[in-house]
Amino acid sequence: MSNTSAILDWCIVRLGEDQNWWVDEVSDPVRWDTDGLSIIDPRQAAHLIELCEPLRDYGFDQDLFEAAFITFRIEKEAGKARIRLKRVKDSVFDSEEKLFVLADVVDDENGPFADLLDHLTRCRVKLLNDVFKFESKLTVDEVEDELREEQNASFIEGKAVHVFDELCSILDYTPAGFDEDEDDTDRVTATEDDAEIDDADLPTVEDEDDESIKGDASLKWDDEDDEKDDDDAPKKAKGEDDEDEDEDDEKASDDDDDSDDDDKPKAKAKSKPAPKPKGGKKR
């Protein structure tokens, strides 16, 4: 850690519109320029530590990480969306207290934070070359050039790059066309194949067993009996209809006989002789 950073004892930080914390005041304004000076909050610090874990197999130096930052704890509120931080000597890796960490950027070219950026880039390149089979190995210069272009674009637009975003751009860096999550697709595919294998191992019912089940009266559904009753019902109704038709035919026959009698001519009634007039003898 540089000697200049030892003079810094406290700072006042504010929460920006981007939901990041920025330094407004410091106890050593001579050596520290607060214009665009950012600070990492406890949540962001925990995320960075998590991103550094995979790099331990590729030479990650925890001491170099801690030397690049100055740790602070919350002392008190300092107004709306502002808090005053007090410097502590706790390790960001081991402390149970929620700590803010400020990058030591007094010497932004040869200081401890500049050394950390170079160290993290080299570790990340080693990891990527181990994970992916590139046609030609990825180099530190290629990664630094690409990241520098992105930073320059932000500076041209007048945007200050937060130190958390600067670190994440290295720790999350992956060349275009490659994705570290490709292994997840393989796991999903393997799971689907396992499901198909499980279905293939399930026992199947033989045709003979099917026939024996159909022939077993104790396994018949009640619906089959209901269907049988429904089949008998129309037959009975049909018999009743036949009887009704016979009765209708007989009735129709009687009606026809009556109709024939009406058509025959009736016999004329015999006329009776006219009664003789009463009185004397005919002259």
Protein backbone atom coordinates (compact mmCIF):
# COMPACT_ATOMS: atom_id res chain seq x y z
CA MET A 1 0.00 0.00 0.00
CA SER A 2 1.40 3.42 -0.89
CA ASN A 3 2.43 5.84 1.83
CA THR A 4 0.09 8.51 0.52
CA SER A 5 -2.94 6.38 1.24
CA ALA A 6 -2.01 6.20 4.93
CA ILE A 7 -2.92 9.88 5.36
CA LEU A 8 -6.51 9.24 4.28
CA ASP A 9 -8.57 8.78 7.46
CA TRP A 10 -12.20 9.43 6.49
CA CYS A 11 -14.39 10.27 3.51
CA ILE A 12 -17.97 11.28 2.78
CA VAL A 13 -19.75 9.40 0.02
CA ARG A 14 -23.09 9.88 -1.78
CA LEU A 15 -25.42 7.51 -3.59
CA GLY A 16 -25.62 8.45 -7.26
CA GLU A 17 -28.54 8.15 -9.65
CA ASP A 18 -26.88 5.04 -11.07
CA GLN A 19 -27.20 3.42 -7.61
CA ASN A 20 -23.41 3.47 -7.18
CA TRP A 21 -21.49 5.27 -4.45
CA TRP A 22 -19.23 8.22 -5.29
CA VAL A 23 -16.78 10.14 -3.06
CA ASP A 24 -17.68 13.77 -2.29
CA GLU A 25 -15.14 14.69 0.38
CA VAL A 26 -11.90 13.20 1.74
CA SER A 27 -9.67 13.99 4.70
CA ASP A 28 -6.67 14.44 2.33
CA PRO A 29 -7.84 16.68 -0.55
CA VAL A 30 -4.25 17.45 -1.52
CA ARG A 31 -3.36 13.98 -2.79
CA TRP A 32 -6.86 12.74 -3.57
CA ASP A 33 -8.96 14.15 -6.39
CA THR A 34 -12.65 13.52 -5.77
CA ASP A 35 -13.69 14.34 -9.35
CA GLY A 36 -15.18 11.05 -10.60
CA LEU A 37 -13.76 9.14 -7.62
CA SER A 38 -15.87 6.01 -6.97
CA ILE A 39 -16.00 3.60 -4.05
CA ILE A 40 -17.19 -0.02 -3.81
CA ASP A 41 -20.02 -0.80 -1.38
CA PRO A 42 -20.25 -4.01 0.72
CA ARG A 43 -22.58 -5.76 -1.71
CA GLN A 44 -20.30 -5.07 -4.65
CA ALA A 45 -17.22 -6.10 -2.66
CA ALA A 46 -18.80 -9.49 -1.91
CA HIS A 47 -19.58 -9.98 -5.60
CA LEU A 48 -16.00 -9.20 -6.63
CA ILE A 49 -14.64 -11.69 -4.12
CA GLU A 50 -16.97 -14.33 -5.59
CA LEU A 51 -15.72 -13.57 -9.11
CA CYS A 52 -12.11 -13.93 -7.96
CA GLU A 53 -12.62 -17.45 -6.54
CA PRO A 54 -12.26 -19.29 -9.91
CA LEU A 55 -8.95 -17.46 -10.46
CA ARG A 56 -7.29 -19.06 -7.46
CA ASP A 57 -6.39 -22.06 -9.63
CA TYR A 58 -4.67 -19.68 -12.06
CA GLY A 59 -2.39 -17.76 -9.69
CA PHE A 60 -4.76 -15.27 -8.02
CA ASP A 61 -2.95 -13.39 -5.19
CA GLN A 62 -5.32 -12.36 -2.39
CA ASP A 63 -2.68 -10.15 -0.74
CA LEU A 64 -2.30 -8.16 -3.94
CA PHE A 65 -6.06 -7.61 -4.00
CA GLU A 66 -6.17 -6.32 -0.42
CA ALA A 67 -3.14 -4.05 -0.98
CA ALA A 68 -5.00 -2.29 -3.79
CA PHE A 69 -7.87 -1.11 -1.55
CA ILE A 70 -8.46 0.97 1.56
CA THR A 71 -11.25 -0.32 3.80
CA PHE A 72 -13.87 1.82 5.52
CA ARG A 73 -16.81 1.22 7.79
CA ILE A 74 -19.95 3.33 8.17
CA GLU A 75 -19.55 5.96 10.89
CA LYS A 76 -22.73 8.07 10.58
CA GLU A 77 -25.14 9.70 8.17
CA ALA A 78 -24.01 12.93 6.58
CA GLY A 79 -27.23 14.20 5.01
CA LYS A 80 -29.61 12.99 2.33
CA ALA A 81 -28.17 9.91 0.56
CA ARG A 82 -24.77 10.72 2.11
CA ILE A 83 -22.78 8.85 4.75
CA ARG A 84 -19.45 9.43 6.49
CA LEU A 85 -17.02 6.52 6.40
CA LYS A 86 -14.21 5.85 8.88
CA ARG A 87 -11.06 4.04 7.82
CA VAL A 88 -10.33 0.61 9.37
CA LYS A 89 -7.57 -1.97 8.99
CA ASP A 90 -9.88 -4.98 8.61
CA SER A 91 -9.47 -7.43 5.74
CA VAL A 92 -12.30 -7.34 3.20
CA PHE A 93 -11.96 -11.15 2.90
CA ASP A 94 -12.12 -11.98 6.60
CA SER A 95 -14.14 -9.23 8.26
CA GLU A 96 -17.70 -9.94 9.35
CA GLU A 97 -18.48 -6.24 9.22
CA LYS A 98 -19.89 -4.72 6.03
CA LEU A 99 -17.04 -2.69 4.58
CA PHE A 100 -16.67 -0.13 1.80
CA VAL A 101 -13.44 -0.39 -0.18
CA LEU A 102 -11.72 2.48 -1.98
CA ALA A 103 -9.22 1.74 -4.75
CA ASP A 104 -5.80 3.27 -4.17
CA VAL A 105 -5.57 5.33 -7.36
CA VAL A 106 -3.24 8.09 -6.16
CA ASP A 107 -0.73 6.71 -8.67
CA ASP A 108 -3.06 5.40 -11.36
CA GLU A 109 -0.22 4.09 -13.58
CA ASN A 110 2.20 2.36 -11.20
CA GLY A 111 0.23 2.17 -7.96
CA PRO A 112 -1.20 -0.95 -6.23
CA PHE A 113 -4.56 -0.71 -8.02
CA ALA A 114 -2.85 -0.59 -11.43
CA ASP A 115 -0.88 -3.68 -10.43
CA LEU A 116 -4.12 -5.44 -9.45
CA LEU A 117 -5.74 -4.72 -12.81
CA ASP A 118 -2.76 -6.23 -14.61
CA HIS A 119 -2.75 -9.25 -12.27
CA LEU A 120 -6.47 -9.97 -12.70
CA THR A 121 -6.20 -9.67 -16.50
CA ARG A 122 -3.40 -12.24 -16.62
CA CYS A 123 -5.33 -14.67 -14.40
CA ARG A 124 -8.48 -14.27 -16.49
CA VAL A 125 -6.57 -14.92 -19.73
CA LYS A 126 -5.11 -18.12 -18.27
CA LEU A 127 -8.60 -19.30 -17.29
CA LEU A 128 -10.07 -18.58 -20.72
CA ASN A 129 -7.24 -20.34 -22.56
CA ASP A 130 -7.83 -23.35 -20.33
CA VAL A 131 -11.62 -23.41 -20.79
CA PHE A 132 -11.82 -22.70 -24.53
CA LYS A 133 -9.86 -24.22 -27.39
CA PHE A 134 -8.96 -21.11 -29.38
CA GLU A 135 -7.30 -21.40 -32.77
CA SER A 136 -4.54 -19.22 -31.32
CA LYS A 137 -4.14 -18.54 -27.60
CA LEU A 138 -5.67 -15.39 -26.20
CA THR A 139 -3.14 -12.78 -25.07
CA VAL A 140 -3.16 -10.16 -22.32
CA ASP A 141 -2.54 -7.39 -24.86
CA GLU A 142 -5.64 -8.37 -26.87
CA VAL A 143 -7.84 -8.22 -23.77
CA GLU A 144 -6.36 -4.93 -22.55
CA ASP A 145 -6.80 -3.30 -25.96
CA GLU A 146 -10.47 -4.31 -26.14
CA LEU A 147 -11.21 -3.12 -22.62
CA ARG A 148 -9.37 0.14 -23.20
CA GLU A 149 -11.51 0.88 -26.24
CA GLU A 150 -14.67 0.49 -24.17
CA GLN A 151 -13.33 2.85 -21.48
CA ASN A 152 -12.28 5.44 -24.04
CA ALA A 153 -15.78 5.36 -25.53
CA SER A 154 -17.22 6.16 -22.07
CA PHE A 155 -14.74 9.00 -21.55
CA ILE A 156 -15.64 10.49 -24.93
CA GLU A 157 -19.31 10.48 -23.88
CA GLY A 158 -18.32 12.23 -20.65
CA LYS A 159 -19.21 9.26 -18.43
CA ALA A 160 -17.11 8.40 -15.39
CA VAL A 161 -16.32 4.68 -15.19
CA HIS A 162 -17.08 3.25 -11.75
CA VAL A 163 -14.26 1.14 -10.32
CA PHE A 164 -16.70 -1.77 -9.78
CA ASP A 165 -17.59 -1.81 -13.50
CA GLU A 166 -13.90 -1.58 -14.39
CA LEU A 167 -13.11 -4.69 -12.34
CA CYS A 168 -16.15 -6.63 -13.59
CA SER A 169 -15.19 -5.93 -17.20
CA ILE A 170 -12.03 -7.96 -16.52
CA LEU A 171 -13.48 -10.67 -14.29
CA ASP A 172 -16.46 -11.28 -16.62
CA TYR A 173 -14.56 -10.89 -19.88
CA THR A 174 -15.21 -13.51 -22.58
CA PRO A 175 -14.23 -13.17 -26.28
CA ALA A 176 -17.04 -12.55 -28.74
CA GLY A 177 -18.59 -15.78 -29.99
CA PHE A 178 -17.81 -17.74 -26.85
CA ASP A 179 -19.96 -18.37 -23.81
CA GLU A 180 -18.95 -19.93 -20.50
CA ASP A 181 -22.55 -21.11 -19.96
CA GLU A 182 -22.43 -23.55 -22.90
CA ASP A 183 -21.93 -26.39 -20.41
CA ASP A 184 -25.43 -25.69 -19.09
CA THR A 185 -26.87 -26.72 -22.47
CA ASP A 186 -25.00 -30.00 -22.29
CA ARG A 187 -26.43 -30.65 -18.85
CA VAL A 188 -29.97 -29.99 -20.05
CA THR A 189 -29.48 -32.31 -23.04
CA ALA A 190 -28.10 -35.02 -20.79
CA THR A 191 -31.10 -34.72 -18.51
CA GLU A 192 -33.52 -35.17 -21.44
CA ASP A 193 -31.58 -38.23 -22.64
CA ASP A 194 -31.76 -39.71 -19.15
CA ALA A 195 -35.53 -39.25 -19.19
CA GLU A 196 -35.79 -41.13 -22.49
CA ILE A 197 -33.65 -43.96 -21.10
CA ASP A 198 -35.87 -44.18 -18.03
CA ASP A 199 -38.96 -44.49 -20.24
CA ALA A 200 -37.26 -47.26 -22.25
CA ASP A 201 -36.59 -49.22 -19.06
CA LEU A 202 -40.25 -49.22 -18.00
CA PRO A 203 -41.92 -52.67 -18.28
CA THR A 204 -44.54 -53.08 -21.06
CA VAL A 205 -47.78 -55.06 -20.79
CA GLU A 206 -47.80 -58.16 -23.06
CA ASP A 207 -50.71 -58.81 -25.44
CA GLU A 208 -51.54 -62.05 -23.61
CA ASP A 209 -51.92 -60.17 -20.35
CA ASP A 210 -54.23 -57.72 -22.12
CA GLU A 211 -56.48 -60.56 -23.32
CA SER A 212 -56.57 -62.16 -19.87
CA ILE A 213 -57.60 -58.82 -18.34
CA LYS A 214 -60.41 -58.45 -20.88
CA GLY A 215 -61.64 -61.97 -20.14
CA ASP A 216 -61.72 -61.50 -16.38
CA ALA A 217 -65.31 -60.63 -15.40
CA SER A 218 -64.19 -59.20 -12.04
CA LEU A 219 -62.23 -56.45 -13.80
CA LYS A 220 -65.09 -55.26 -16.06
CA TRP A 221 -66.26 -51.72 -15.61
CA ASP A 222 -69.82 -50.91 -14.57
CA ASP A 223 -70.15 -48.99 -17.82
CA GLU A 224 -70.12 -52.27 -19.73
CA ASP A 225 -73.21 -53.46 -17.81
CA ASP A 226 -74.90 -50.15 -18.45
CA GLU A 227 -74.18 -50.48 -22.15
CA LYS A 228 -75.69 -54.00 -22.12
CA ASP A 229 -78.89 -52.70 -20.51
CA ASP A 230 -79.02 -49.94 -23.09
CA ASP A 231 -78.77 -52.55 -25.88
CA ASP A 232 -81.69 -54.60 -24.44
CA ALA A 233 -83.92 -51.60 -23.99
CA PRO A 234 -84.46 -50.91 -27.70
CA LYS A 235 -85.29 -54.55 -28.38
CA LYS A 236 -88.08 -54.56 -25.78
CA ALA A 237 -89.42 -51.35 -27.08
CA LYS A 238 -89.46 -52.80 -30.56
CA GLY A 239 -91.61 -55.77 -29.40
CA GLU A 240 -94.10 -53.42 -27.82
CA ASP A 241 -94.24 -51.46 -31.03
CA ASP A 242 -95.12 -54.63 -32.97
CA GLU A 243 -98.06 -55.36 -30.65
CA ASP A 244 -99.30 -51.82 -31.03
CA GLU A 245 -99.07 -52.13 -34.80
CA ASP A 246 -101.18 -55.33 -34.75
CA GLU A 247 -103.86 -53.62 -32.67
CA ASP A 248 -103.85 -50.69 -35.07
CA ASP A 249 -104.24 -53.07 -38.06
CA GLU A 250 -107.25 -54.81 -36.46
CA LYS A 251 -108.87 -51.50 -35.70
CA ALA A 252 -108.27 -50.33 -39.22
CA SER A 253 -109.86 -53.55 -40.56
CA ASP A 254 -113.02 -53.02 -38.49
CA ASP A 255 -113.22 -49.48 -39.71
CA ASP A 256 -113.02 -50.73 -43.30
CA ASP A 257 -115.91 -53.16 -42.74
CA ASP A 258 -118.09 -50.37 -41.38
CA SER A 259 -117.19 -48.29 -44.36
CA ASP A 260 -118.30 -51.07 -46.73
CA ASP A 261 -121.71 -51.38 -45.05
CA ASP A 262 -122.27 -47.69 -45.49
CA ASP A 263 -121.55 -47.96 -49.19
CA LYS A 264 -124.22 -50.70 -49.86
CA PRO A 265 -127.77 -49.40 -51.01
CA LYS A 266 -130.41 -49.71 -48.33
CA ALA A 267 -133.73 -51.65 -49.08
CA LYS A 268 -136.78 -49.51 -49.66
CA ALA A 269 -139.56 -49.78 -46.99
CA LYS A 270 -142.92 -51.32 -48.17
CA SER A 271 -145.68 -48.74 -48.58
CA LYS A 272 -148.87 -49.34 -46.59
CA PRO A 273 -152.40 -49.12 -48.34
CA ALA A 274 -154.25 -45.85 -47.88
CA PRO A 275 -156.97 -46.06 -45.27
CA LYS A 276 -160.58 -46.20 -46.56
CA PRO A 277 -162.65 -43.06 -45.98
CA LYS A 278 -165.34 -43.34 -43.37
CA GLY A 279 -168.97 -42.69 -44.33
CA GLY A 280 -172.05 -44.22 -46.28
CA LYS A 281 -172.12 -46.44 -49.29
CA LYS A 282 -170.90 -45.24 -52.64
CA ARG A 283 -173.67 -44.06 -54.87
